[in-house]
Amino acid sequence: MPATGVWSGCAAAFVFGVKFRRALPTIAAGVMIAGIVVTTVTITGIGLADLILGA
């Protein structure tokens, strides 16, 4: 999907002439970090909602 991190990372790597062998691990690491951040925020939000709502 255009404008997502992976798509933008691939486009930037192409525009700046970054070799595939260097771009792939960097983009993959970015995806993993984003996944960890989103998961952490989601779990924290659910935990806070349970705490506040007493569910």
PDB file of N, CA and C in Angstrom:
ATOM      1  N   MET A   1       0.851  -1.178   0.000  1.00  0.00           N
ATOM      2  CA  MET A   1       0.000   0.000   0.000  1.00  0.00           C
ATOM      3  C   MET A   1       0.900   1.245   0.000  1.00  0.00           C
ATOM      4  N   PRO A   2       0.702   2.138  -0.926  1.00  0.00           N
ATOM      5  CA  PRO A   2       1.517   3.353  -0.971  1.00  0.00           C
ATOM      6  C   PRO A   2       1.400   4.172   0.307  1.00  0.00           C
ATOM      7  N   ALA A   3       2.492   4.812   0.665  1.00  0.00           N
ATOM      8  CA  ALA A   3       2.614   5.698   1.831  1.00  0.00           C
ATOM      9  C   ALA A   3       2.802   4.931   3.132  1.00  0.00           C
ATOM     10  N   THR A   4       2.969   3.611   3.070  1.00  0.00           N
ATOM     11  CA  THR A   4       3.298   2.874   4.281  1.00  0.00           C
ATOM     12  C   THR A   4       4.810   2.844   4.427  1.00  0.00           C
ATOM     13  N   GLY A   5       5.293   2.441   5.580  1.00  0.00           N
ATOM     14  CA  GLY A   5       6.725   2.442   5.841  1.00  0.00           C
ATOM     15  C   GLY A   5       7.516   1.596   4.870  1.00  0.00           C
ATOM     16  N   VAL A   6       7.031   0.392   4.575  1.00  0.00           N
ATOM     17  CA  VAL A   6       7.764  -0.499   3.677  1.00  0.00           C
ATOM     18  C   VAL A   6       7.804   0.069   2.264  1.00  0.00           C
ATOM     19  N   TRP A   7       6.691   0.517   1.796  1.00  0.00           N
ATOM     20  CA  TRP A   7       6.631   1.066   0.443  1.00  0.00           C
ATOM     21  C   TRP A   7       7.545   2.277   0.328  1.00  0.00           C
ATOM     22  N   SER A   8       7.468   3.171   1.299  1.00  0.00           N
ATOM     23  CA  SER A   8       8.311   4.369   1.286  1.00  0.00           C
ATOM     24  C   SER A   8       9.787   4.007   1.414  1.00  0.00           C
ATOM     25  N   GLY A   9      10.088   3.020   2.255  1.00  0.00           N
ATOM     26  CA  GLY A   9      11.476   2.584   2.410  1.00  0.00           C
ATOM     27  C   GLY A   9      12.043   2.020   1.120  1.00  0.00           C
ATOM     28  N   CYS A  10      11.250   1.214   0.432  1.00  0.00           N
ATOM     29  CA  CYS A  10      11.691   0.660  -0.856  1.00  0.00           C
ATOM     30  C   CYS A  10      11.885   1.763  -1.891  1.00  0.00           C
ATOM     31  N   ALA A  11      10.968   2.697  -1.929  1.00  0.00           N
ATOM     32  CA  ALA A  11      11.077   3.802  -2.881  1.00  0.00           C
ATOM     33  C   ALA A  11      12.309   4.654  -2.582  1.00  0.00           C
ATOM     34  N   ALA A  12      12.540   4.945  -1.294  1.00  0.00           N
ATOM     35  CA  ALA A  12      13.708   5.746  -0.914  1.00  0.00           C
ATOM     36  C   ALA A  12      15.006   5.014  -1.248  1.00  0.00           C
ATOM     37  N   ALA A  13      15.039   3.711  -0.993  1.00  0.00           N
ATOM     38  CA  ALA A  13      16.234   2.934  -1.310  1.00  0.00           C
ATOM     39  C   ALA A  13      16.512   2.976  -2.816  1.00  0.00           C
ATOM     40  N   PHE A  14      15.480   2.887  -3.615  1.00  0.00           N
ATOM     41  CA  PHE A  14      15.646   2.950  -5.070  1.00  0.00           C
ATOM     42  C   PHE A  14      16.142   4.328  -5.504  1.00  0.00           C
ATOM     43  N   VAL A  15      15.502   5.375  -4.985  1.00  0.00           N
ATOM     44  CA  VAL A  15      15.854   6.742  -5.384  1.00  0.00           C
ATOM     45  C   VAL A  15      17.295   7.075  -4.994  1.00  0.00           C
ATOM     46  N   PHE A  16      17.711   6.658  -3.804  1.00  0.00           N
ATOM     47  CA  PHE A  16      19.056   6.979  -3.331  1.00  0.00           C
ATOM     48  C   PHE A  16      20.106   5.949  -3.746  1.00  0.00           C
ATOM     49  N   GLY A  17      19.697   4.950  -4.510  1.00  0.00           N
ATOM     50  CA  GLY A  17      20.640   3.981  -5.036  1.00  0.00           C
ATOM     51  C   GLY A  17      21.212   3.025  -3.997  1.00  0.00           C
ATOM     52  N   VAL A  18      20.447   2.729  -2.955  1.00  0.00           N
ATOM     53  CA  VAL A  18      20.904   1.791  -1.931  1.00  0.00           C
ATOM     54  C   VAL A  18      20.816   0.376  -2.498  1.00  0.00           C
ATOM     55  N   LYS A  19      21.865  -0.383  -2.330  1.00  0.00           N
ATOM     56  CA  LYS A  19      21.885  -1.745  -2.861  1.00  0.00           C
ATOM     57  C   LYS A  19      20.891  -2.624  -2.103  1.00  0.00           C
ATOM     58  N   PHE A  20      20.339  -3.599  -2.821  1.00  0.00           N
ATOM     59  CA  PHE A  20      19.323  -4.498  -2.270  1.00  0.00           C
ATOM     60  C   PHE A  20      19.808  -5.194  -1.007  1.00  0.00           C
ATOM     61  N   ARG A  21      21.059  -5.643  -1.010  1.00  0.00           N
ATOM     62  CA  ARG A  21      21.604  -6.380   0.136  1.00  0.00           C
ATOM     63  C   ARG A  21      21.632  -5.530   1.400  1.00  0.00           C
ATOM     64  N   ARG A  22      21.723  -4.226   1.258  1.00  0.00           N
ATOM     65  CA  ARG A  22      21.727  -3.330   2.430  1.00  0.00           C
ATOM     66  C   ARG A  22      20.308  -2.865   2.766  1.00  0.00           C
ATOM     67  N   ALA A  23      19.472  -2.673   1.764  1.00  0.00           N
ATOM     68  CA  ALA A  23      18.123  -2.151   1.984  1.00  0.00           C
ATOM     69  C   ALA A  23      17.200  -3.182   2.632  1.00  0.00           C
ATOM     70  N   LEU A  24      17.287  -4.437   2.199  1.00  0.00           N
ATOM     71  CA  LEU A  24      16.362  -5.461   2.685  1.00  0.00           C
ATOM     72  C   LEU A  24      16.400  -5.639   4.200  1.00  0.00           C
ATOM     73  N   PRO A  25      17.570  -5.840   4.817  1.00  0.00           N
ATOM     74  CA  PRO A  25      17.567  -6.013   6.272  1.00  0.00           C
ATOM     75  C   PRO A  25      17.119  -4.757   7.018  1.00  0.00           C
ATOM     76  N   THR A  26      17.448  -3.599   6.473  1.00  0.00           N
ATOM     77  CA  THR A  26      17.048  -2.349   7.117  1.00  0.00           C
ATOM     78  C   THR A  26      15.534  -2.177   7.078  1.00  0.00           C
ATOM     79  N   ILE A  27      14.934  -2.446   5.947  1.00  0.00           N
ATOM     80  CA  ILE A  27      13.478  -2.336   5.810  1.00  0.00           C
ATOM     81  C   ILE A  27      12.787  -3.387   6.670  1.00  0.00           C
ATOM     82  N   ALA A  28      13.323  -4.608   6.686  1.00  0.00           N
ATOM     83  CA  ALA A  28      12.749  -5.672   7.518  1.00  0.00           C
ATOM     84  C   ALA A  28      12.826  -5.305   9.007  1.00  0.00           C
ATOM     85  N   ALA A  29      13.939  -4.728   9.426  1.00  0.00           N
ATOM     86  CA  ALA A  29      14.072  -4.297  10.821  1.00  0.00           C
ATOM     87  C   ALA A  29      13.048  -3.209  11.153  1.00  0.00           C
ATOM     88  N   GLY A  30      12.824  -2.306  10.210  1.00  0.00           N
ATOM     89  CA  GLY A  30      11.818  -1.259  10.417  1.00  0.00           C
ATOM     90  C   GLY A  30      10.420  -1.831  10.587  1.00  0.00           C
ATOM     91  N   VAL A  31      10.107  -2.850   9.811  1.00  0.00           N
ATOM     92  CA  VAL A  31       8.799  -3.504   9.917  1.00  0.00           C
ATOM     93  C   VAL A  31       8.658  -4.178  11.280  1.00  0.00           C
ATOM     94  N   MET A  32       9.712  -4.854  11.724  1.00  0.00           N
ATOM     95  CA  MET A  32       9.659  -5.528  13.020  1.00  0.00           C
ATOM     96  C   MET A  32       9.527  -4.532  14.173  1.00  0.00           C
ATOM     97  N   ILE A  33      10.272  -3.449  14.109  1.00  0.00           N
ATOM     98  CA  ILE A  33      10.181  -2.425  15.148  1.00  0.00           C
ATOM     99  C   ILE A  33       8.786  -1.818  15.174  1.00  0.00           C
ATOM    100  N   ALA A  34       8.230  -1.518  14.012  1.00  0.00           N
ATOM    101  CA  ALA A  34       6.875  -0.966  13.949  1.00  0.00           C
ATOM    102  C   ALA A  34       5.858  -1.948  14.534  1.00  0.00           C
ATOM    103  N   GLY A  35       6.021  -3.229  14.233  1.00  0.00           N
ATOM    104  CA  GLY A  35       5.124  -4.244  14.777  1.00  0.00           C
ATOM    105  C   GLY A  35       5.198  -4.315  16.287  1.00  0.00           C
ATOM    106  N   ILE A  36       6.410  -4.239  16.829  1.00  0.00           N
ATOM    107  CA  ILE A  36       6.584  -4.261  18.286  1.00  0.00           C
ATOM    108  C   ILE A  36       5.940  -3.042  18.924  1.00  0.00           C
ATOM    109  N   VAL A  37       6.138  -1.876  18.325  1.00  0.00           N
ATOM    110  CA  VAL A  37       5.560  -0.645  18.867  1.00  0.00           C
ATOM    111  C   VAL A  37       4.035  -0.708  18.850  1.00  0.00           C
ATOM    112  N   VAL A  38       3.450  -1.112  17.738  1.00  0.00           N
ATOM    113  CA  VAL A  38       1.989  -1.184  17.623  1.00  0.00           C
ATOM    114  C   VAL A  38       1.427  -2.213  18.598  1.00  0.00           C
ATOM    115  N   THR A  39       2.080  -3.358  18.724  1.00  0.00           N
ATOM    116  CA  THR A  39       1.625  -4.383  19.654  1.00  0.00           C
ATOM    117  C   THR A  39       1.688  -3.882  21.087  1.00  0.00           C
ATOM    118  N   THR A  40       2.778  -3.217  21.453  1.00  0.00           N
ATOM    119  CA  THR A  40       2.933  -2.684  22.809  1.00  0.00           C
ATOM    120  C   THR A  40       1.866  -1.644  23.118  1.00  0.00           C
ATOM    121  N   VAL A  41       1.630  -0.737  22.184  1.00  0.00           N
ATOM    122  CA  VAL A  41       0.604   0.293  22.403  1.00  0.00           C
ATOM    123  C   VAL A  41      -0.777  -0.345  22.523  1.00  0.00           C
ATOM    124  N   THR A  42      -1.064  -1.332  21.717  1.00  0.00           N
ATOM    125  CA  THR A  42      -2.364  -2.003  21.763  1.00  0.00           C
ATOM    126  C   THR A  42      -2.561  -2.735  23.088  1.00  0.00           C
ATOM    127  N   ILE A  43      -1.571  -3.496  23.506  1.00  0.00           N
ATOM    128  CA  ILE A  43      -1.680  -4.235  24.760  1.00  0.00           C
ATOM    129  C   ILE A  43      -1.800  -3.274  25.940  1.00  0.00           C
ATOM    130  N   THR A  44      -1.034  -2.180  25.911  1.00  0.00           N
ATOM    131  CA  THR A  44      -1.117  -1.186  26.973  1.00  0.00           C
ATOM    132  C   THR A  44      -2.502  -0.541  27.003  1.00  0.00           C
ATOM    133  N   GLY A  45      -3.028  -0.217  25.829  1.00  0.00           N
ATOM    134  CA  GLY A  45      -4.364   0.389  25.770  1.00  0.00           C
ATOM    135  C   GLY A  45      -5.439  -0.542  26.285  1.00  0.00           C
ATOM    136  N   ILE A  46      -5.353  -1.810  25.926  1.00  0.00           N
ATOM    137  CA  ILE A  46      -6.335  -2.785  26.412  1.00  0.00           C
ATOM    138  C   ILE A  46      -6.217  -2.931  27.924  1.00  0.00           C
ATOM    139  N   GLY A  47      -4.985  -2.987  28.429  1.00  0.00           N
ATOM    140  CA  GLY A  47      -4.771  -3.085  29.880  1.00  0.00           C
ATOM    141  C   GLY A  47      -5.307  -1.885  30.622  1.00  0.00           C
ATOM    142  N   LEU A  48      -5.081  -0.691  30.084  1.00  0.00           N
ATOM    143  CA  LEU A  48      -5.601   0.516  30.720  1.00  0.00           C
ATOM    144  C   LEU A  48      -7.123   0.564  30.669  1.00  0.00           C
ATOM    145  N   ALA A  49      -7.699   0.132  29.571  1.00  0.00           N
ATOM    146  CA  ALA A  49      -9.156   0.107  29.457  1.00  0.00           C
ATOM    147  C   ALA A  49      -9.745  -0.866  30.480  1.00  0.00           C
ATOM    148  N   ASP A  50      -9.130  -2.019  30.651  1.00  0.00           N
ATOM    149  CA  ASP A  50      -9.598  -2.968  31.661  1.00  0.00           C
ATOM    150  C   ASP A  50      -9.469  -2.388  33.069  1.00  0.00           C
ATOM    151  N   LEU A  51      -8.375  -1.692  33.322  1.00  0.00           N
ATOM    152  CA  LEU A  51      -8.160  -1.102  34.634  1.00  0.00           C
ATOM    153  C   LEU A  51      -9.174   0.001  34.926  1.00  0.00           C
ATOM    154  N   ILE A  52      -9.415   0.855  33.951  1.00  0.00           N
ATOM    155  CA  ILE A  52     -10.325   1.991  34.142  1.00  0.00           C
ATOM    156  C   ILE A  52     -11.783   1.519  34.188  1.00  0.00           C
ATOM    157  N   LEU A  53     -12.153   0.609  33.297  1.00  0.00           N
ATOM    158  CA  LEU A  53     -13.532   0.176  33.209  1.00  0.00           C
ATOM    159  C   LEU A  53     -13.851  -0.963  34.199  1.00  0.00           C
ATOM    160  N   GLY A  54     -12.823  -1.513  34.785  1.00  0.00           N
ATOM    161  CA  GLY A  54     -13.027  -2.577  35.756  1.00  0.00           C
ATOM    162  C   GLY A  54     -13.551  -3.865  35.160  1.00  0.00           C
ATOM    163  N   ALA A  55     -13.204  -4.118  33.927  1.00  0.00           N
ATOM    164  CA  ALA A  55     -13.707  -5.333  33.264  1.00  0.00           C
ATOM    165  C   ALA A  55     -12.858  -6.533  33.585  1.00  0.00           C
TER     166      ALA A  55
END
